[in-house]
Structures are given as C-alpha cells and as structure tokens.
Amino acid sequence: MVANDNAGYLTPAAFSGSSRASSLLQSNTHQTVKTVKTMEDTDLQALMARLELLISRVEQLKSQNGLLLAQEKTWREERAHLIEKNEIARRKVESMISRLKALEQDS
C-alpha cells in the first residue's frame, strides 16, 4: 500500500482531473468558511451584547455608589452633630453635679 504524504494538504488543484471533485471541495470549503464566519459573527455579537450589559451594570453601580457615598456623608455629619450635643449635655450634667456638691458642702 502506498501512503499519500500530501493527503492533508489537498487543494482543488489536486483534483484537476476531476472537475466534479474540485467543485465539491470548493463548495464545501466555501460553506465551511461561511459557517466559521457566521459563528465568529454570532460570537462577536454575543460578546458585544455582554459588554453592553456589563457597561450598563457598571453605570448602575457607579450611580448607586454615588448615592451611598452621599448617604454616608450625611450620616457622618449627623453623627458628629450628635456627638457634639452629647458632649455639651455631659458637661452640663457634670456642672450640675459640681454645683449640687458645692451646695451640700455649704449647708
């Protein structure tokens, strides 16, 4: 048996003796290229759709993050104000206790 070392590299020209075989090979090659191109286009479209969704999600997250940062700032300001009011109240209570102790000592 003789092995054909060029079997994997056959081109339409290799079938020049048989125009039918050459025509079939060209047709199949064209269909394969078309199928691959269609698959690539489909994959590319799917990737673009996913990228659009990702971009949309990023924009949504940026918006939410901005709102959360604004809320955090408001809460921090409110907390600082409450801490200040608490400190004023503490000083007033300490002052009252000191005056009460002074009144007890005077009596």
N, C-alpha and C. Protein backbone atom coordinates (compact mmCIF):
# COMPACT_ATOMS: atom_id res chain seq x y z
N MET A 1 0.83 -1.17 0.00
CA MET A 1 0.00 0.00 0.00
C MET A 1 0.88 1.24 0.00
N VAL A 2 0.51 2.25 -0.79
CA VAL A 2 1.28 3.48 -0.88
C VAL A 2 0.57 4.56 -0.09
N ALA A 3 1.29 5.20 0.80
CA ALA A 3 0.70 6.29 1.59
C ALA A 3 0.90 7.60 0.85
N ASN A 4 -0.10 8.46 0.92
CA ASN A 4 -0.01 9.77 0.27
C ASN A 4 0.39 10.79 1.34
N ASP A 5 1.62 11.26 1.26
CA ASP A 5 2.12 12.22 2.24
C ASP A 5 1.42 13.57 2.14
N ASN A 6 0.78 13.86 1.04
CA ASN A 6 0.12 15.15 0.83
C ASN A 6 -1.39 15.07 1.07
N ALA A 7 -1.87 14.00 1.67
CA ALA A 7 -3.31 13.81 1.84
C ALA A 7 -3.94 14.94 2.65
N GLY A 8 -3.25 15.44 3.64
CA GLY A 8 -3.80 16.51 4.47
C GLY A 8 -3.73 17.88 3.81
N TYR A 9 -3.05 17.98 2.70
CA TYR A 9 -2.83 19.27 2.06
C TYR A 9 -3.43 19.34 0.67
N LEU A 10 -4.44 18.56 0.41
CA LEU A 10 -5.03 18.55 -0.91
C LEU A 10 -5.79 19.85 -1.15
N THR A 11 -5.64 20.36 -2.32
CA THR A 11 -6.31 21.60 -2.72
C THR A 11 -7.17 21.29 -3.93
N PRO A 12 -8.02 22.21 -4.33
CA PRO A 12 -8.81 21.97 -5.55
C PRO A 12 -7.93 21.65 -6.75
N ALA A 13 -6.74 22.20 -6.79
CA ALA A 13 -5.84 21.92 -7.91
C ALA A 13 -5.44 20.45 -7.94
N ALA A 14 -5.42 19.79 -6.78
CA ALA A 14 -5.04 18.38 -6.73
C ALA A 14 -6.08 17.51 -7.42
N PHE A 15 -7.28 18.03 -7.57
CA PHE A 15 -8.35 17.30 -8.22
C PHE A 15 -8.59 17.79 -9.65
N SER A 16 -7.56 18.31 -10.29
CA SER A 16 -7.73 18.90 -11.62
C SER A 16 -8.27 17.89 -12.62
N GLY A 17 -8.02 16.64 -12.40
CA GLY A 17 -8.54 15.62 -13.31
C GLY A 17 -10.04 15.44 -13.14
N SER A 18 -10.57 15.79 -12.00
CA SER A 18 -11.99 15.60 -11.75
C SER A 18 -12.62 16.93 -11.38
N SER A 19 -13.29 17.54 -12.32
CA SER A 19 -13.89 18.85 -12.06
C SER A 19 -15.01 18.73 -11.03
N ARG A 20 -15.68 17.60 -10.99
CA ARG A 20 -16.77 17.40 -10.02
C ARG A 20 -16.20 17.41 -8.60
N ALA A 21 -15.11 16.69 -8.39
CA ALA A 21 -14.48 16.63 -7.07
C ALA A 21 -13.96 18.01 -6.69
N SER A 22 -13.36 18.68 -7.65
CA SER A 22 -12.84 20.03 -7.40
C SER A 22 -13.96 20.98 -7.01
N SER A 23 -15.07 20.89 -7.72
CA SER A 23 -16.22 21.75 -7.45
C SER A 23 -16.79 21.46 -6.07
N LEU A 24 -16.90 20.18 -5.70
CA LEU A 24 -17.41 19.81 -4.37
C LEU A 24 -16.49 20.33 -3.27
N LEU A 25 -15.18 20.18 -3.47
CA LEU A 25 -14.23 20.65 -2.47
C LEU A 25 -14.33 22.16 -2.29
N GLN A 26 -14.44 22.88 -3.38
CA GLN A 26 -14.57 24.35 -3.30
C GLN A 26 -15.87 24.73 -2.60
N SER A 27 -16.94 24.05 -2.93
CA SER A 27 -18.24 24.32 -2.33
C SER A 27 -18.20 24.06 -0.83
N ASN A 28 -17.64 22.89 -0.45
CA ASN A 28 -17.54 22.56 0.97
C ASN A 28 -16.64 23.53 1.71
N THR A 29 -15.54 23.93 1.10
CA THR A 29 -14.62 24.89 1.70
C THR A 29 -15.33 26.22 1.90
N HIS A 30 -16.06 26.65 0.89
CA HIS A 30 -16.79 27.92 0.96
C HIS A 30 -17.83 27.87 2.08
N GLN A 31 -18.56 26.72 2.16
CA GLN A 31 -19.57 26.58 3.22
C GLN A 31 -18.92 26.56 4.59
N THR A 32 -17.77 25.90 4.71
CA THR A 32 -17.06 25.86 5.99
C THR A 32 -16.61 27.25 6.40
N VAL A 33 -16.04 28.00 5.45
CA VAL A 33 -15.61 29.37 5.74
C VAL A 33 -16.81 30.22 6.14
N LYS A 34 -17.94 30.04 5.42
CA LYS A 34 -19.16 30.78 5.73
C LYS A 34 -19.65 30.44 7.14
N THR A 35 -19.63 29.14 7.47
CA THR A 35 -20.07 28.69 8.80
C THR A 35 -19.18 29.27 9.88
N VAL A 36 -17.87 29.21 9.66
CA VAL A 36 -16.92 29.76 10.64
C VAL A 36 -17.15 31.26 10.78
N LYS A 37 -17.33 31.96 9.67
CA LYS A 37 -17.56 33.41 9.73
C LYS A 37 -18.86 33.71 10.46
N THR A 38 -19.91 32.92 10.18
CA THR A 38 -21.19 33.12 10.86
C THR A 38 -21.03 32.87 12.35
N MET A 39 -20.28 31.82 12.70
CA MET A 39 -20.04 31.54 14.12
C MET A 39 -19.25 32.68 14.76
N GLU A 40 -18.25 33.19 14.05
CA GLU A 40 -17.46 34.31 14.58
C GLU A 40 -18.34 35.54 14.76
N ASP A 41 -19.20 35.81 13.78
CA ASP A 41 -20.11 36.96 13.88
C ASP A 41 -21.06 36.78 15.06
N THR A 42 -21.59 35.57 15.21
CA THR A 42 -22.51 35.29 16.32
C THR A 42 -21.78 35.45 17.65
N ASP A 43 -20.57 34.91 17.74
CA ASP A 43 -19.78 35.04 18.97
C ASP A 43 -19.47 36.51 19.25
N LEU A 44 -19.13 37.24 18.21
CA LEU A 44 -18.81 38.66 18.36
C LEU A 44 -20.04 39.43 18.82
N GLN A 45 -21.19 39.12 18.23
CA GLN A 45 -22.42 39.80 18.64
C GLN A 45 -22.77 39.47 20.08
N ALA A 46 -22.60 38.21 20.47
CA ALA A 46 -22.87 37.81 21.85
C ALA A 46 -21.93 38.52 22.81
N LEU A 47 -20.66 38.61 22.42
CA LEU A 47 -19.68 39.31 23.26
C LEU A 47 -20.03 40.79 23.38
N MET A 48 -20.43 41.39 22.27
CA MET A 48 -20.81 42.82 22.30
C MET A 48 -22.04 43.03 23.18
N ALA A 49 -22.99 42.11 23.10
CA ALA A 49 -24.19 42.22 23.94
C ALA A 49 -23.82 42.11 25.42
N ARG A 50 -22.93 41.20 25.74
CA ARG A 50 -22.49 41.04 27.13
C ARG A 50 -21.71 42.27 27.59
N LEU A 51 -20.90 42.84 26.70
CA LEU A 51 -20.16 44.05 27.06
C LEU A 51 -21.13 45.21 27.32
N GLU A 52 -22.17 45.31 26.50
CA GLU A 52 -23.17 46.37 26.70
C GLU A 52 -23.84 46.20 28.06
N LEU A 53 -24.19 44.96 28.41
CA LEU A 53 -24.78 44.70 29.71
C LEU A 53 -23.82 45.05 30.84
N LEU A 54 -22.56 44.71 30.65
CA LEU A 54 -21.54 45.00 31.65
C LEU A 54 -21.37 46.50 31.83
N ILE A 55 -21.33 47.23 30.73
CA ILE A 55 -21.20 48.68 30.80
C ILE A 55 -22.41 49.29 31.50
N SER A 56 -23.58 48.77 31.18
CA SER A 56 -24.81 49.24 31.82
C SER A 56 -24.76 48.99 33.33
N ARG A 57 -24.31 47.80 33.69
CA ARG A 57 -24.21 47.45 35.12
C ARG A 57 -23.20 48.33 35.84
N VAL A 58 -22.07 48.62 35.18
CA VAL A 58 -21.06 49.50 35.78
C VAL A 58 -21.64 50.88 36.03
N GLU A 59 -22.38 51.41 35.06
CA GLU A 59 -23.01 52.72 35.23
C GLU A 59 -24.01 52.70 36.38
N GLN A 60 -24.78 51.62 36.48
CA GLN A 60 -25.75 51.48 37.56
C GLN A 60 -25.02 51.44 38.92
N LEU A 61 -23.93 50.69 38.99
CA LEU A 61 -23.17 50.60 40.23
C LEU A 61 -22.53 51.93 40.59
N LYS A 62 -22.06 52.67 39.59
CA LYS A 62 -21.50 54.00 39.86
C LYS A 62 -22.55 54.91 40.46
N SER A 63 -23.75 54.86 39.92
CA SER A 63 -24.84 55.68 40.42
C SER A 63 -25.17 55.30 41.86
N GLN A 64 -25.30 54.00 42.11
CA GLN A 64 -25.60 53.54 43.46
C GLN A 64 -24.48 53.92 44.43
N ASN A 65 -23.25 53.80 43.98
CA ASN A 65 -22.11 54.14 44.82
C ASN A 65 -22.15 55.63 45.18
N GLY A 66 -22.48 56.47 44.21
CA GLY A 66 -22.59 57.90 44.48
C GLY A 66 -23.66 58.19 45.53
N LEU A 67 -24.80 57.52 45.41
CA LEU A 67 -25.87 57.70 46.39
C LEU A 67 -25.44 57.23 47.77
N LEU A 68 -24.78 56.08 47.82
CA LEU A 68 -24.31 55.56 49.10
C LEU A 68 -23.27 56.47 49.74
N LEU A 69 -22.39 57.02 48.94
CA LEU A 69 -21.39 57.96 49.48
C LEU A 69 -22.05 59.21 50.03
N ALA A 70 -23.08 59.71 49.34
CA ALA A 70 -23.80 60.89 49.82
C ALA A 70 -24.51 60.57 51.14
N GLN A 71 -25.12 59.38 51.23
CA GLN A 71 -25.78 58.98 52.48
C GLN A 71 -24.76 58.85 53.61
N GLU A 72 -23.62 58.26 53.29
CA GLU A 72 -22.58 58.10 54.31
C GLU A 72 -22.13 59.47 54.82
N LYS A 73 -21.96 60.41 53.92
CA LYS A 73 -21.54 61.75 54.33
C LYS A 73 -22.59 62.37 55.25
N THR A 74 -23.87 62.22 54.89
CA THR A 74 -24.95 62.76 55.72
C THR A 74 -24.94 62.11 57.10
N TRP A 75 -24.78 60.79 57.14
CA TRP A 75 -24.76 60.08 58.42
C TRP A 75 -23.56 60.48 59.26
N ARG A 76 -22.41 60.67 58.64
CA ARG A 76 -21.22 61.09 59.39
C ARG A 76 -21.43 62.49 59.99
N GLU A 77 -22.02 63.39 59.20
CA GLU A 77 -22.30 64.74 59.71
C GLU A 77 -23.28 64.68 60.86
N GLU A 78 -24.33 63.87 60.71
CA GLU A 78 -25.32 63.73 61.77
C GLU A 78 -24.68 63.13 63.02
N ARG A 79 -23.83 62.13 62.83
CA ARG A 79 -23.13 61.51 63.96
C ARG A 79 -22.25 62.52 64.67
N ALA A 80 -21.51 63.31 63.92
CA ALA A 80 -20.64 64.33 64.53
C ALA A 80 -21.48 65.33 65.32
N HIS A 81 -22.63 65.72 64.76
CA HIS A 81 -23.52 66.66 65.45
C HIS A 81 -24.05 66.04 66.75
N LEU A 82 -24.45 64.77 66.70
CA LEU A 82 -24.94 64.09 67.89
C LEU A 82 -23.85 63.92 68.95
N ILE A 83 -22.65 63.63 68.53
CA ILE A 83 -21.53 63.52 69.47
C ILE A 83 -21.29 64.87 70.15
N GLU A 84 -21.36 65.93 69.38
CA GLU A 84 -21.17 67.28 69.93
C GLU A 84 -22.28 67.59 70.95
N LYS A 85 -23.54 67.27 70.59
CA LYS A 85 -24.65 67.52 71.52
C LYS A 85 -24.50 66.67 72.79
N ASN A 86 -24.05 65.45 72.63
CA ASN A 86 -23.81 64.57 73.78
C ASN A 86 -22.73 65.15 74.69
N GLU A 87 -21.69 65.68 74.11
CA GLU A 87 -20.60 66.29 74.90
C GLU A 87 -21.11 67.50 75.67
N ILE A 88 -21.93 68.33 75.03
CA ILE A 88 -22.50 69.52 75.70
C ILE A 88 -23.37 69.07 76.87
N ALA A 89 -24.21 68.06 76.64
CA ALA A 89 -25.08 67.54 77.70
C ALA A 89 -24.25 66.97 78.84
N ARG A 90 -23.18 66.24 78.53
CA ARG A 90 -22.30 65.67 79.56
C ARG A 90 -21.70 66.77 80.42
N ARG A 91 -21.21 67.85 79.76
CA ARG A 91 -20.62 68.97 80.51
C ARG A 91 -21.66 69.63 81.42
N LYS A 92 -22.89 69.78 80.91
CA LYS A 92 -23.94 70.40 81.72
C LYS A 92 -24.26 69.54 82.94
N VAL A 93 -24.33 68.23 82.76
CA VAL A 93 -24.61 67.33 83.88
C VAL A 93 -23.47 67.38 84.89
N GLU A 94 -22.24 67.37 84.43
CA GLU A 94 -21.09 67.48 85.34
C GLU A 94 -21.12 68.80 86.10
N SER A 95 -21.51 69.86 85.41
CA SER A 95 -21.61 71.18 86.06
C SER A 95 -22.68 71.16 87.14
N MET A 96 -23.83 70.56 86.87
CA MET A 96 -24.91 70.47 87.85
C MET A 96 -24.47 69.66 89.07
N ILE A 97 -23.78 68.55 88.79
CA ILE A 97 -23.30 67.71 89.89
C ILE A 97 -22.33 68.50 90.76
N SER A 98 -21.44 69.27 90.14
CA SER A 98 -20.48 70.09 90.88
C SER A 98 -21.22 71.12 91.73
N ARG A 99 -22.23 71.78 91.18
CA ARG A 99 -22.98 72.79 91.94
C ARG A 99 -23.74 72.14 93.09
N LEU A 100 -24.33 70.96 92.85
CA LEU A 100 -25.03 70.26 93.91
C LEU A 100 -24.09 69.88 95.05
N LYS A 101 -22.90 69.42 94.69
CA LYS A 101 -21.91 69.08 95.72
C LYS A 101 -21.50 70.32 96.50
N ALA A 102 -21.35 71.46 95.80
CA ALA A 102 -20.97 72.72 96.46
C ALA A 102 -22.09 73.16 97.40
N LEU A 103 -23.34 73.00 97.00
CA LEU A 103 -24.48 73.39 97.85
C LEU A 103 -24.53 72.48 99.09
N GLU A 104 -24.24 71.19 98.92
CA GLU A 104 -24.23 70.28 100.07
C GLU A 104 -23.16 70.66 101.07
N GLN A 105 -22.02 71.07 100.58
CA GLN A 105 -20.91 71.44 101.47
C GLN A 105 -21.21 72.76 102.21
N ASP A 106 -21.93 73.65 101.56
CA ASP A 106 -22.29 74.92 102.19
C ASP A 106 -23.35 74.72 103.27
N SER A 107 -24.15 73.71 103.18
CA SER A 107 -25.22 73.56 104.16
C SER A 107 -24.79 72.91 105.40
